Amino acid sequence: LANFWLWLRGVNRSVSATLGVGVRRFRAGGVGNTDKSTGRFISLRRLSPRQKVLFYYLEMVRRSSERGLPRKPYQTPNEYAQTLEQHLPVVDHEVNSITRYFNEARYSRHAITTQHAGQAQQFWQRIRNALHKVFQHR
């Protein structure tokens, strides 16, 4: 009986610790995407405009990869944009624009405005919708 109680206490501690981590993760990040490196939620409100542009571009890459259009390790962002344009001609302007914004945010030192971040979000939404439409019929 004593061993059973010791075991039960251990299970209780384990469950409490697991629930505590989940609750802290929920409170810290709210609803949103998770950062794969930390397992935490990403709060878009807390990101700078530069970080938002990077986020939307990387979401485009991630979602496109899930749909069978992965970015090859040797491809530059512009080369990858050409790949996406071949498969998603309806949003070629958006793909080019978000790629251009990504290159500016990633490789330049000048300020990225909230307007750029908002436009990148709109481009990403159109690309996401196109990915959904094109690949739901395949």
Foldseek 3Di string as FASTA:
>chain_A
DVVVVVVVVVVVVVVVVVVVVVVVLCVVAPDAPADVVVRHHDDPVPDFLLVLLLVLLVVLQVLCVVLPLHDDPPDDLVRSLVSVCVQQVVLSVLSVLSSVSNCCSPPHDDDRDVVSSVSNVVSSVVSVVSSCVSRVVD
